[in-house]
Amino acid sequence: MRVARSELAKLLAGNRVEEAIHFAPEPNAELRYALTVDPASDGTHVSYRPGDIMVTVSADQMRTWGEESQVGIYTTLDIGHTEPLEVAIEKDFACLDGNDADNYDTFANPLEGKTC
């Protein structure tokens, strides 16, 4: 999941952020996914119902991630009967291609101004 600057502010204020991907014109042909903070949680958790994915992180993880130097929250979850689930929640950094329209509501890119 990529999170914009305004979405991180919502999460830090205790609100959830969510999006939907539509696959066809039918109203139920979508996948909804959300990110929320649970003060009672001790880590990252994922729940799934058909058409819905909810990722929950602890308040401690959110506070640490809210610091400017923290890029993301990364977790490997053991889901039992199959391969572990890799969860990556990252700040949406500005692209360095000079296209300012795509950089609205993004975080400053830590590589800006650096040369290869």
PDB file of N, CA and C in Angstrom:
ATOM      1  N   MET A   1       0.848  -1.165   0.000  1.00  0.00           N
ATOM      2  CA  MET A   1       0.000   0.000   0.000  1.00  0.00           C
ATOM      3  C   MET A   1       0.892   1.227   0.000  1.00  0.00           C
ATOM      4  N   ARG A   2       0.527   2.210  -0.795  1.00  0.00           N
ATOM      5  CA  ARG A   2       1.203   3.505  -0.796  1.00  0.00           C
ATOM      6  C   ARG A   2       0.270   4.517  -0.155  1.00  0.00           C
ATOM      7  N   VAL A   3       0.808   5.339   0.714  1.00  0.00           N
ATOM      8  CA  VAL A   3       0.010   6.289   1.471  1.00  0.00           C
ATOM      9  C   VAL A   3       0.488   7.711   1.184  1.00  0.00           C
ATOM     10  N   ALA A   4      -0.432   8.574   0.788  1.00  0.00           N
ATOM     11  CA  ALA A   4      -0.124   9.978   0.518  1.00  0.00           C
ATOM     12  C   ALA A   4       0.005  10.751   1.826  1.00  0.00           C
ATOM     13  N   ARG A   5       0.542  11.946   1.724  1.00  0.00           N
ATOM     14  CA  ARG A   5       0.749  12.804   2.904  1.00  0.00           C
ATOM     15  C   ARG A   5      -0.571  13.057   3.644  1.00  0.00           C
ATOM     16  N   SER A   6      -1.640  13.394   2.925  1.00  0.00           N
ATOM     17  CA  SER A   6      -2.929  13.669   3.577  1.00  0.00           C
ATOM     18  C   SER A   6      -3.520  12.401   4.210  1.00  0.00           C
ATOM     19  N   GLU A   7      -3.276  11.254   3.604  1.00  0.00           N
ATOM     20  CA  GLU A   7      -3.773   9.991   4.174  1.00  0.00           C
ATOM     21  C   GLU A   7      -3.045   9.658   5.474  1.00  0.00           C
ATOM     22  N   LEU A   8      -1.748   9.917   5.519  1.00  0.00           N
ATOM     23  CA  LEU A   8      -1.004   9.680   6.761  1.00  0.00           C
ATOM     24  C   LEU A   8      -1.544  10.585   7.867  1.00  0.00           C
ATOM     25  N   ALA A   9      -1.861  11.824   7.531  1.00  0.00           N
ATOM     26  CA  ALA A   9      -2.440  12.733   8.521  1.00  0.00           C
ATOM     27  C   ALA A   9      -3.764  12.181   9.052  1.00  0.00           C
ATOM     28  N   LYS A  10      -4.590  11.625   8.175  1.00  0.00           N
ATOM     29  CA  LYS A  10      -5.857  11.013   8.604  1.00  0.00           C
ATOM     30  C   LYS A  10      -5.606   9.846   9.550  1.00  0.00           C
ATOM     31  N   LEU A  11      -4.645   9.002   9.197  1.00  0.00           N
ATOM     32  CA  LEU A  11      -4.337   7.845  10.042  1.00  0.00           C
ATOM     33  C   LEU A  11      -3.829   8.283  11.412  1.00  0.00           C
ATOM     34  N   LEU A  12      -2.944   9.274  11.434  1.00  0.00           N
ATOM     35  CA  LEU A  12      -2.414   9.766  12.700  1.00  0.00           C
ATOM     36  C   LEU A  12      -3.502  10.394  13.561  1.00  0.00           C
ATOM     37  N   ALA A  13      -4.575  10.883  12.920  1.00  0.00           N
ATOM     38  CA  ALA A  13      -5.710  11.455  13.649  1.00  0.00           C
ATOM     39  C   ALA A  13      -6.708  10.386  14.087  1.00  0.00           C
ATOM     40  N   GLY A  14      -6.431   9.122  13.768  1.00  0.00           N
ATOM     41  CA  GLY A  14      -7.304   8.030  14.190  1.00  0.00           C
ATOM     42  C   GLY A  14      -8.340   7.604  13.180  1.00  0.00           C
ATOM     43  N   ASN A  15      -8.264   8.128  11.970  1.00  0.00           N
ATOM     44  CA  ASN A  15      -9.214   7.755  10.919  1.00  0.00           C
ATOM     45  C   ASN A  15      -8.614   6.674  10.024  1.00  0.00           C
ATOM     46  N   ARG A  16      -9.457   6.026   9.263  1.00  0.00           N
ATOM     47  CA  ARG A  16      -8.971   5.015   8.330  1.00  0.00           C
ATOM     48  C   ARG A  16      -8.948   5.590   6.920  1.00  0.00           C
ATOM     49  N   VAL A  17      -8.125   5.000   6.078  1.00  0.00           N
ATOM     50  CA  VAL A  17      -8.109   5.368   4.663  1.00  0.00           C
ATOM     51  C   VAL A  17      -8.494   4.131   3.877  1.00  0.00           C
ATOM     52  N   GLU A  18      -9.206   4.360   2.776  1.00  0.00           N
ATOM     53  CA  GLU A  18      -9.635   3.223   1.976  1.00  0.00           C
ATOM     54  C   GLU A  18      -9.740   3.608   0.518  1.00  0.00           C
ATOM     55  N   GLU A  19      -9.646   2.616  -0.324  1.00  0.00           N
ATOM     56  CA  GLU A  19      -9.727   2.764  -1.777  1.00  0.00           C
ATOM     57  C   GLU A  19     -10.502   1.576  -2.330  1.00  0.00           C
ATOM     58  N   ALA A  20     -10.906   1.696  -3.581  1.00  0.00           N
ATOM     59  CA  ALA A  20     -11.575   0.595  -4.274  1.00  0.00           C
ATOM     60  C   ALA A  20     -11.036   0.525  -5.687  1.00  0.00           C
ATOM     61  N   ILE A  21     -10.856  -0.695  -6.163  1.00  0.00           N
ATOM     62  CA  ILE A  21     -10.467  -0.952  -7.540  1.00  0.00           C
ATOM     63  C   ILE A  21     -11.666  -1.611  -8.207  1.00  0.00           C
ATOM     64  N   HIS A  22     -12.135  -1.011  -9.295  1.00  0.00           N
ATOM     65  CA  HIS A  22     -13.284  -1.542 -10.033  1.00  0.00           C
ATOM     66  C   HIS A  22     -12.775  -2.322 -11.244  1.00  0.00           C
ATOM     67  N   PHE A  23     -13.286  -3.532 -11.412  1.00  0.00           N
ATOM     68  CA  PHE A  23     -12.825  -4.427 -12.470  1.00  0.00           C
ATOM     69  C   PHE A  23     -13.798  -4.548 -13.639  1.00  0.00           C
ATOM     70  N   ALA A  24     -15.033  -4.101 -13.440  1.00  0.00           N
ATOM     71  CA  ALA A  24     -16.063  -4.199 -14.476  1.00  0.00           C
ATOM     72  C   ALA A  24     -17.185  -3.234 -14.109  1.00  0.00           C
ATOM     73  N   PRO A  25     -18.150  -3.020 -14.998  1.00  0.00           N
ATOM     74  CA  PRO A  25     -19.220  -2.060 -14.704  1.00  0.00           C
ATOM     75  C   PRO A  25     -20.165  -2.486 -13.574  1.00  0.00           C
ATOM     76  N   GLU A  26     -20.231  -3.769 -13.285  1.00  0.00           N
ATOM     77  CA  GLU A  26     -21.134  -4.229 -12.229  1.00  0.00           C
ATOM     78  C   GLU A  26     -20.691  -3.645 -10.876  1.00  0.00           C
ATOM     79  N   PRO A  27     -21.641  -3.218 -10.048  1.00  0.00           N
ATOM     80  CA  PRO A  27     -21.300  -2.589  -8.765  1.00  0.00           C
ATOM     81  C   PRO A  27     -20.493  -3.483  -7.823  1.00  0.00           C
ATOM     82  N   ASN A  28     -20.670  -4.780  -7.898  1.00  0.00           N
ATOM     83  CA  ASN A  28     -19.965  -5.678  -6.984  1.00  0.00           C
ATOM     84  C   ASN A  28     -18.637  -6.185  -7.555  1.00  0.00           C
ATOM     85  N   ALA A  29     -18.241  -5.713  -8.719  1.00  0.00           N
ATOM     86  CA  ALA A  29     -16.980  -6.151  -9.337  1.00  0.00           C
ATOM     87  C   ALA A  29     -15.856  -5.228  -8.874  1.00  0.00           C
ATOM     88  N   GLU A  30     -15.610  -5.248  -7.574  1.00  0.00           N
ATOM     89  CA  GLU A  30     -14.584  -4.377  -7.028  1.00  0.00           C
ATOM     90  C   GLU A  30     -13.848  -5.054  -5.885  1.00  0.00           C
ATOM     91  N   LEU A  31     -12.681  -4.532  -5.619  1.00  0.00           N
ATOM     92  CA  LEU A  31     -11.890  -4.937  -4.462  1.00  0.00           C
ATOM     93  C   LEU A  31     -11.669  -3.686  -3.627  1.00  0.00           C
ATOM     94  N   ARG A  32     -12.129  -3.717  -2.397  1.00  0.00           N
ATOM     95  CA  ARG A  32     -11.931  -2.596  -1.479  1.00  0.00           C
ATOM     96  C   ARG A  32     -10.817  -2.969  -0.520  1.00  0.00           C
ATOM     97  N   TYR A  33      -9.953  -1.990  -0.265  1.00  0.00           N
ATOM     98  CA  TYR A  33      -8.894  -2.218   0.711  1.00  0.00           C
ATOM     99  C   TYR A  33      -8.763  -0.989   1.587  1.00  0.00           C
ATOM    100  N   ALA A  34      -8.433  -1.234   2.852  1.00  0.00           N
ATOM    101  CA  ALA A  34      -8.378  -0.145   3.823  1.00  0.00           C
ATOM    102  C   ALA A  34      -7.202  -0.341   4.762  1.00  0.00           C
ATOM    103  N   LEU A  35      -6.778   0.774   5.332  1.00  0.00           N
ATOM    104  CA  LEU A  35      -5.711   0.788   6.330  1.00  0.00           C
ATOM    105  C   LEU A  35      -6.249   1.540   7.535  1.00  0.00           C
ATOM    106  N   THR A  36      -6.068   0.977   8.708  1.00  0.00           N
ATOM    107  CA  THR A  36      -6.566   1.601   9.926  1.00  0.00           C
ATOM    108  C   THR A  36      -5.589   1.355  11.077  1.00  0.00           C
ATOM    109  N   VAL A  37      -5.767   2.134  12.126  1.00  0.00           N
ATOM    110  CA  VAL A  37      -4.944   2.021  13.333  1.00  0.00           C
ATOM    111  C   VAL A  37      -5.813   1.470  14.446  1.00  0.00           C
ATOM    112  N   ASP A  38      -5.276   0.499  15.173  1.00  0.00           N
ATOM    113  CA  ASP A  38      -5.984  -0.071  16.320  1.00  0.00           C
ATOM    114  C   ASP A  38      -5.118   0.136  17.559  1.00  0.00           C
ATOM    115  N   PRO A  39      -5.535   1.016  18.477  1.00  0.00           N
ATOM    116  CA  PRO A  39      -4.736   1.272  19.679  1.00  0.00           C
ATOM    117  C   PRO A  39      -4.516   0.027  20.536  1.00  0.00           C
ATOM    118  N   ALA A  40      -5.391  -0.955  20.414  1.00  0.00           N
ATOM    119  CA  ALA A  40      -5.258  -2.184  21.208  1.00  0.00           C
ATOM    120  C   ALA A  40      -4.389  -3.231  20.522  1.00  0.00           C
ATOM    121  N   SER A  41      -4.000  -2.982  19.280  1.00  0.00           N
ATOM    122  CA  SER A  41      -3.227  -3.959  18.513  1.00  0.00           C
ATOM    123  C   SER A  41      -1.774  -3.956  18.939  1.00  0.00           C
ATOM    124  N   ASP A  42      -1.131  -5.111  18.783  1.00  0.00           N
ATOM    125  CA  ASP A  42       0.285  -5.230  19.118  1.00  0.00           C
ATOM    126  C   ASP A  42       1.168  -5.343  17.881  1.00  0.00           C
ATOM    127  N   GLY A  43       0.605  -5.121  16.696  1.00  0.00           N
ATOM    128  CA  GLY A  43       1.394  -5.240  15.472  1.00  0.00           C
ATOM    129  C   GLY A  43       0.521  -5.025  14.254  1.00  0.00           C
ATOM    130  N   THR A  44       0.947  -5.633  13.151  1.00  0.00           N
ATOM    131  CA  THR A  44       0.219  -5.525  11.895  1.00  0.00           C
ATOM    132  C   THR A  44      -0.640  -6.773  11.703  1.00  0.00           C
ATOM    133  N   HIS A  45      -1.868  -6.560  11.279  1.00  0.00           N
ATOM    134  CA  HIS A  45      -2.793  -7.665  11.037  1.00  0.00           C
ATOM    135  C   HIS A  45      -3.533  -7.411   9.729  1.00  0.00           C
ATOM    136  N   VAL A  46      -3.901  -8.485   9.070  1.00  0.00           N
ATOM    137  CA  VAL A  46      -4.670  -8.387   7.826  1.00  0.00           C
ATOM    138  C   VAL A  46      -5.898  -9.268   7.955  1.00  0.00           C
ATOM    139  N   SER A  47      -7.048  -8.708   7.583  1.00  0.00           N
ATOM    140  CA  SER A  47      -8.259  -9.516   7.546  1.00  0.00           C
ATOM    141  C   SER A  47      -8.819  -9.452   6.129  1.00  0.00           C
ATOM    142  N   TYR A  48      -9.472 -10.531   5.739  1.00  0.00           N
ATOM    143  CA  TYR A  48     -10.006 -10.642   4.386  1.00  0.00           C
ATOM    144  C   TYR A  48     -11.417 -11.189   4.422  1.00  0.00           C
ATOM    145  N   ARG A  49     -12.272 -10.543   3.669  1.00  0.00           N
ATOM    146  CA  ARG A  49     -13.602 -11.049   3.315  1.00  0.00           C
ATOM    147  C   ARG A  49     -13.699 -10.860   1.816  1.00  0.00           C
ATOM    148  N   PRO A  50     -14.456 -11.670   1.112  1.00  0.00           N
ATOM    149  CA  PRO A  50     -14.536 -11.504  -0.340  1.00  0.00           C
ATOM    150  C   PRO A  50     -14.823 -10.045  -0.718  1.00  0.00           C
ATOM    151  N   GLY A  51     -13.901  -9.485  -1.476  1.00  0.00           N
ATOM    152  CA  GLY A  51     -14.032  -8.117  -1.932  1.00  0.00           C
ATOM    153  C   GLY A  51     -13.477  -7.064  -0.988  1.00  0.00           C
ATOM    154  N   ASP A  52     -13.016  -7.475   0.209  1.00  0.00           N
ATOM    155  CA  ASP A  52     -12.533  -6.524   1.211  1.00  0.00           C
ATOM    156  C   ASP A  52     -11.248  -7.005   1.878  1.00  0.00           C
ATOM    157  N   ILE A  53     -10.269  -6.121   1.908  1.00  0.00           N
ATOM    158  CA  ILE A  53      -9.030  -6.381   2.640  1.00  0.00           C
ATOM    159  C   ILE A  53      -8.846  -5.243   3.635  1.00  0.00           C
ATOM    160  N   MET A  54      -8.604  -5.582   4.898  1.00  0.00           N
ATOM    161  CA  MET A  54      -8.372  -4.586   5.940  1.00  0.00           C
ATOM    162  C   MET A  54      -7.002  -4.844   6.545  1.00  0.00           C
ATOM    163  N   VAL A  55      -6.146  -3.836   6.500  1.00  0.00           N
ATOM    164  CA  VAL A  55      -4.832  -3.906   7.137  1.00  0.00           C
ATOM    165  C   VAL A  55      -4.894  -3.009   8.368  1.00  0.00           C
ATOM    166  N   THR A  56      -4.535  -3.577   9.512  1.00  0.00           N
ATOM    167  CA  THR A  56      -4.562  -2.856  10.775  1.00  0.00           C
ATOM    168  C   THR A  56      -3.152  -2.814  11.347  1.00  0.00           C
ATOM    169  N   VAL A  57      -2.732  -1.628  11.790  1.00  0.00           N
ATOM    170  CA  VAL A  57      -1.429  -1.483  12.432  1.00  0.00           C
ATOM    171  C   VAL A  57      -1.625  -0.934  13.834  1.00  0.00           C
ATOM    172  N   SER A  58      -0.633  -1.147  14.674  1.00  0.00           N
ATOM    173  CA  SER A  58      -0.713  -0.665  16.050  1.00  0.00           C
ATOM    174  C   SER A  58      -0.470   0.846  16.098  1.00  0.00           C
ATOM    175  N   ALA A  59      -0.920   1.461  17.166  1.00  0.00           N
ATOM    176  CA  ALA A  59      -0.708   2.898  17.355  1.00  0.00           C
ATOM    177  C   ALA A  59       0.781   3.201  17.447  1.00  0.00           C
ATOM    178  N   ASP A  60       1.562   2.312  18.075  1.00  0.00           N
ATOM    179  CA  ASP A  60       3.014   2.519  18.172  1.00  0.00           C
ATOM    180  C   ASP A  60       3.662   2.503  16.791  1.00  0.00           C
ATOM    181  N   GLN A  61       3.274   1.549  15.954  1.00  0.00           N
ATOM    182  CA  GLN A  61       3.811   1.504  14.591  1.00  0.00           C
ATOM    183  C   GLN A  61       3.470   2.778  13.833  1.00  0.00           C
ATOM    184  N   MET A  62       2.235   3.260  13.988  1.00  0.00           N
ATOM    185  CA  MET A  62       1.809   4.458  13.263  1.00  0.00           C
ATOM    186  C   MET A  62       2.580   5.687  13.728  1.00  0.00           C
ATOM    187  N   ARG A  63       2.792   5.821  15.033  1.00  0.00           N
ATOM    188  CA  ARG A  63       3.547   6.978  15.539  1.00  0.00           C
ATOM    189  C   ARG A  63       4.977   6.966  15.013  1.00  0.00           C
ATOM    190  N   THR A  64       5.625   5.801  15.036  1.00  0.00           N
ATOM    191  CA  THR A  64       6.992   5.689  14.535  1.00  0.00           C
ATOM    192  C   THR A  64       7.044   5.976  13.049  1.00  0.00           C
ATOM    193  N   TRP A  65       6.096   5.440  12.308  1.00  0.00           N
ATOM    194  CA  TRP A  65       6.053   5.642  10.864  1.00  0.00           C
ATOM    195  C   TRP A  65       5.769   7.092  10.505  1.00  0.00           C
ATOM    196  N   GLY A  66       5.041   7.786  11.352  1.00  0.00           N
ATOM    197  CA  GLY A  66       4.710   9.178  11.105  1.00  0.00           C
ATOM    198  C   GLY A  66       5.915  10.102  11.125  1.00  0.00           C
ATOM    199  N   GLU A  67       7.017   9.646  11.714  1.00  0.00           N
ATOM    200  CA  GLU A  67       8.230  10.448  11.722  1.00  0.00           C
ATOM    201  C   GLU A  67       8.747  10.588  10.289  1.00  0.00           C
ATOM    202  N   GLU A  68       9.297  11.730   9.978  1.00  0.00           N
ATOM    203  CA  GLU A  68       9.716  12.022   8.605  1.00  0.00           C
ATOM    204  C   GLU A  68      10.729  11.021   8.063  1.00  0.00           C
ATOM    205  N   SER A  69      11.601  10.481   8.912  1.00  0.00           N
ATOM    206  CA  SER A  69      12.669   9.594   8.432  1.00  0.00           C
ATOM    207  C   SER A  69      12.218   8.164   8.167  1.00  0.00           C
ATOM    208  N   GLN A  70      11.044   7.783   8.592  1.00  0.00           N
ATOM    209  CA  GLN A  70      10.564   6.416   8.423  1.00  0.00           C
ATOM    210  C   GLN A  70       9.853   6.245   7.086  1.00  0.00           C
ATOM    211  N   VAL A  71      10.331   5.316   6.263  1.00  0.00           N
ATOM    212  CA  VAL A  71       9.766   5.098   4.927  1.00  0.00           C
ATOM    213  C   VAL A  71       8.507   4.250   4.977  1.00  0.00           C
ATOM    214  N   GLY A  72       8.519   3.180   5.748  1.00  0.00           N
ATOM    215  CA  GLY A  72       7.374   2.286   5.706  1.00  0.00           C
ATOM    216  C   GLY A  72       7.269   1.363   6.892  1.00  0.00           C
ATOM    217  N   ILE A  73       6.224   0.573   6.853  1.00  0.00           N
ATOM    218  CA  ILE A  73       5.988  -0.503   7.813  1.00  0.00           C
ATOM    219  C   ILE A  73       6.055  -1.793   7.010  1.00  0.00           C
ATOM    220  N   TYR A  74       6.910  -2.696   7.423  1.00  0.00           N
ATOM    221  CA  TYR A  74       7.120  -3.950   6.698  1.00  0.00           C
ATOM    222  C   TYR A  74       6.940  -5.110   7.666  1.00  0.00           C
ATOM    223  N   THR A  75       6.125  -6.065   7.276  1.00  0.00           N
ATOM    224  CA  THR A  75       5.810  -7.193   8.141  1.00  0.00           C
ATOM    225  C   THR A  75       5.635  -8.454   7.307  1.00  0.00           C
ATOM    226  N   THR A  76       6.055  -9.567   7.845  1.00  0.00           N
ATOM    227  CA  THR A  76       5.784 -10.874   7.266  1.00  0.00           C
ATOM    228  C   THR A  76       4.819 -11.589   8.202  1.00  0.00           C
ATOM    229  N   LEU A  77       3.666 -11.986   7.669  1.00  0.00           N
ATOM    230  CA  LEU A  77       2.653 -12.656   8.477  1.00  0.00           C
ATOM    231  C   LEU A  77       2.562 -14.125   8.107  1.00  0.00           C
ATOM    232  N   ASP A  78       2.597 -14.969   9.114  1.00  0.00           N
ATOM    233  CA  ASP A  78       2.406 -16.404   8.910  1.00  0.00           C
ATOM    234  C   ASP A  78       0.912 -16.646   8.799  1.00  0.00           C
ATOM    235  N   ILE A  79       0.468 -17.064   7.622  1.00  0.00           N
ATOM    236  CA  ILE A  79      -0.966 -17.309   7.433  1.00  0.00           C
ATOM    237  C   ILE A  79      -1.285 -18.800   7.357  1.00  0.00           C
ATOM    238  N   GLY A  80      -0.334 -19.597   7.790  1.00  0.00           N
ATOM    239  CA  GLY A  80      -0.611 -21.013   7.959  1.00  0.00           C
ATOM    240  C   GLY A  80      -0.357 -21.892   6.773  1.00  0.00           C
ATOM    241  N   HIS A  81      -1.373 -22.160   5.999  1.00  0.00           N
ATOM    242  CA  HIS A  81      -1.367 -23.225   4.995  1.00  0.00           C
ATOM    243  C   HIS A  81      -0.605 -22.889   3.709  1.00  0.00           C
ATOM    244  N   THR A  82      -0.053 -21.711   3.583  1.00  0.00           N
ATOM    245  CA  THR A  82       0.624 -21.323   2.348  1.00  0.00           C
ATOM    246  C   THR A  82       1.844 -20.473   2.687  1.00  0.00           C
ATOM    247  N   GLU A  83       2.423 -19.857   1.683  1.00  0.00           N
ATOM    248  CA  GLU A  83       3.585 -18.996   1.903  1.00  0.00           C
ATOM    249  C   GLU A  83       3.212 -17.825   2.823  1.00  0.00           C
ATOM    250  N   PRO A  84       4.190 -17.292   3.546  1.00  0.00           N
ATOM    251  CA  PRO A  84       3.904 -16.118   4.381  1.00  0.00           C
ATOM    252  C   PRO A  84       3.444 -14.935   3.522  1.00  0.00           C
ATOM    253  N   LEU A  85       2.672 -14.066   4.122  1.00  0.00           N
ATOM    254  CA  LEU A  85       2.170 -12.871   3.451  1.00  0.00           C
ATOM    255  C   LEU A  85       3.093 -11.704   3.778  1.00  0.00           C
ATOM    256  N   GLU A  86       3.661 -11.089   2.754  1.00  0.00           N
ATOM    257  CA  GLU A  86       4.523  -9.919   2.923  1.00  0.00           C
ATOM    258  C   GLU A  86       3.652  -8.673   2.845  1.00  0.00           C
ATOM    259  N   VAL A  87       3.694  -7.853   3.882  1.00  0.00           N
ATOM    260  CA  VAL A  87       2.914  -6.618   3.925  1.00  0.00           C
ATOM    261  C   VAL A  87       3.888  -5.448   3.891  1.00  0.00           C
ATOM    262  N   ALA A  88       3.673  -4.531   2.944  1.00  0.00           N
ATOM    263  CA  ALA A  88       4.491  -3.326   2.838  1.00  0.00           C
ATOM    264  C   ALA A  88       3.561  -2.122   2.733  1.00  0.00           C
ATOM    265  N   ILE A  89       3.687  -1.215   3.691  1.00  0.00           N
ATOM    266  CA  ILE A  89       2.919   0.027   3.692  1.00  0.00           C
ATOM    267  C   ILE A  89       3.960   1.139   3.625  1.00  0.00           C
ATOM    268  N   GLU A  90       3.933   1.923   2.557  1.00  0.00           N
ATOM    269  CA  GLU A  90       4.984   2.916   2.356  1.00  0.00           C
ATOM    270  C   GLU A  90       4.410   4.294   2.082  1.00  0.00           C
ATOM    271  N   LYS A  91       5.206   5.293   2.439  1.00  0.00           N
ATOM    272  CA  LYS A  91       4.876   6.661   2.075  1.00  0.00           C
ATOM    273  C   LYS A  91       5.034   6.798   0.566  1.00  0.00           C
ATOM    274  N   ASP A  92       4.160   7.568  -0.031  1.00  0.00           N
ATOM    275  CA  ASP A  92       4.201   7.802  -1.474  1.00  0.00           C
ATOM    276  C   ASP A  92       5.144   8.977  -1.727  1.00  0.00           C
ATOM    277  N   PHE A  93       6.345   8.677  -2.224  1.00  0.00           N
ATOM    278  CA  PHE A  93       7.348   9.705  -2.457  1.00  0.00           C
ATOM    279  C   PHE A  93       7.182  10.332  -3.832  1.00  0.00           C
ATOM    280  N   ALA A  94       7.585  11.588  -3.941  1.00  0.00           N
ATOM    281  CA  ALA A  94       7.528  12.304  -5.206  1.00  0.00           C
ATOM    282  C   ALA A  94       8.416  11.616  -6.238  1.00  0.00           C
ATOM    283  N   CYS A  95       7.934  11.575  -7.479  1.00  0.00           N
ATOM    284  CA  CYS A  95       8.732  11.040  -8.582  1.00  0.00           C
ATOM    285  C   CYS A  95       9.790  12.074  -8.944  1.00  0.00           C
ATOM    286  N   LEU A  96      10.906  11.612  -9.425  1.00  0.00           N
ATOM    287  CA  LEU A  96      12.013  12.504  -9.770  1.00  0.00           C
ATOM    288  C   LEU A  96      12.063  12.821 -11.255  1.00  0.00           C
ATOM    289  N   ASP A  97      10.965  12.543 -11.970  1.00  0.00           N
ATOM    290  CA  ASP A  97      10.968  12.767 -13.417  1.00  0.00           C
ATOM    291  C   ASP A  97      10.542  14.176 -13.818  1.00  0.00           C
ATOM    292  N   GLY A  98      10.300  15.042 -12.849  1.00  0.00           N
ATOM    293  CA  GLY A  98       9.941  16.421 -13.149  1.00  0.00           C
ATOM    294  C   GLY A  98       8.473  16.654 -13.411  1.00  0.00           C
ATOM    295  N   ASN A  99       7.632  15.645 -13.289  1.00  0.00           N
ATOM    296  CA  ASN A  99       6.202  15.777 -13.533  1.00  0.00           C
ATOM    297  C   ASN A  99       5.505  16.158 -12.225  1.00  0.00           C
ATOM    298  N   ASP A 100       5.322  17.440 -12.009  1.00  0.00           N
ATOM    299  CA  ASP A 100       4.744  17.911 -10.755  1.00  0.00           C
ATOM    300  C   ASP A 100       3.297  17.478 -10.559  1.00  0.00           C
ATOM    301  N   ALA A 101       2.557  17.247 -11.637  1.00  0.00           N
ATOM    302  CA  ALA A 101       1.157  16.827 -11.502  1.00  0.00           C
ATOM    303  C   ALA A 101       1.053  15.496 -10.766  1.00  0.00           C
ATOM    304  N   ASP A 102       1.989  14.594 -10.996  1.00  0.00           N
ATOM    305  CA  ASP A 102       1.975  13.290 -10.325  1.00  0.00           C
ATOM    306  C   ASP A 102       2.488  13.370  -8.889  1.00  0.00           C
ATOM    307  N   ASN A 103       3.059  14.482  -8.519  1.00  0.00           N
ATOM    308  CA  ASN A 103       3.673  14.615  -7.199  1.00  0.00           C
ATOM    309  C   ASN A 103       2.796  15.330  -6.182  1.00  0.00           C
ATOM    310  N   TYR A 104       1.549  15.595  -6.535  1.00  0.00           N
ATOM    311  CA  TYR A 104       0.631  16.235  -5.604  1.00  0.00           C
ATOM    312  C   TYR A 104       0.410  15.323  -4.395  1.00  0.00           C
ATOM    313  N   ASP A 105       0.504  15.871  -3.199  1.00  0.00           N
ATOM    314  CA  ASP A 105       0.218  15.168  -1.939  1.00  0.00           C
ATOM    315  C   ASP A 105       1.197  14.041  -1.646  1.00  0.00           C
ATOM    316  N   THR A 106       2.401  14.119  -2.198  1.00  0.00           N
ATOM    317  CA  THR A 106       3.417  13.103  -1.929  1.00  0.00           C
ATOM    318  C   THR A 106       4.422  13.628  -0.903  1.00  0.00           C
ATOM    319  N   PHE A 107       5.271  12.741  -0.445  1.00  0.00           N
ATOM    320  CA  PHE A 107       6.349  13.103   0.466  1.00  0.00           C
ATOM    321  C   PHE A 107       7.578  13.468  -0.347  1.00  0.00           C
ATOM    322  N   ALA A 108       8.423  14.311   0.215  1.00  0.00           N
ATOM    323  CA  ALA A 108       9.666  14.668  -0.454  1.00  0.00           C
ATOM    324  C   ALA A 108      10.487  13.413  -0.676  1.00  0.00           C
ATOM    325  N   ASN A 109      11.004  13.255  -1.877  1.00  0.00           N
ATOM    326  CA  ASN A 109      11.807  12.074  -2.212  1.00  0.00           C
ATOM    327  C   ASN A 109      13.183  12.204  -1.566  1.00  0.00           C
ATOM    328  N   PRO A 110      13.599  11.218  -0.771  1.00  0.00           N
ATOM    329  CA  PRO A 110      14.907  11.295  -0.114  1.00  0.00           C
ATOM    330  C   PRO A 110      16.080  11.280  -1.093  1.00  0.00           C
ATOM    331  N   LEU A 111      15.837  10.906  -2.349  1.00  0.00           N
ATOM    332  CA  LEU A 111      16.913  10.864  -3.351  1.00  0.00           C
ATOM    333  C   LEU A 111      16.985  12.147  -4.167  1.00  0.00           C
ATOM    334  N   GLU A 112      16.082  13.093  -3.921  1.00  0.00           N
ATOM    335  CA  GLU A 112      16.068  14.334  -4.686  1.00  0.00           C
ATOM    336  C   GLU A 112      17.388  15.073  -4.525  1.00  0.00           C
ATOM    337  N   GLY A 113      17.947  15.477  -5.640  1.00  0.00           N
ATOM    338  CA  GLY A 113      19.201  16.224  -5.624  1.00  0.00           C
ATOM    339  C   GLY A 113      20.455  15.366  -5.605  1.00  0.00           C
ATOM    340  N   LYS A 114      20.299  14.057  -5.482  1.00  0.00           N
ATOM    341  CA  LYS A 114      21.457  13.160  -5.471  1.00  0.00           C
ATOM    342  C   LYS A 114      21.747  12.686  -6.879  1.00  0.00           C
ATOM    343  N   THR A 115      22.993  12.406  -7.167  1.00  0.00           N
ATOM    344  CA  THR A 115      23.365  11.879  -8.469  1.00  0.00           C
ATOM    345  C   THR A 115      23.838  10.438  -8.337  1.00  0.00           C
ATOM    346  N   CYS A 116      23.709   9.707  -9.432  1.00  0.00           N
ATOM    347  CA  CYS A 116      24.105   8.298  -9.436  1.00  0.00           C
ATOM    348  C   CYS A 116      25.595   8.179  -9.639  1.00  0.00           C
TER     349      CYS A 116
END
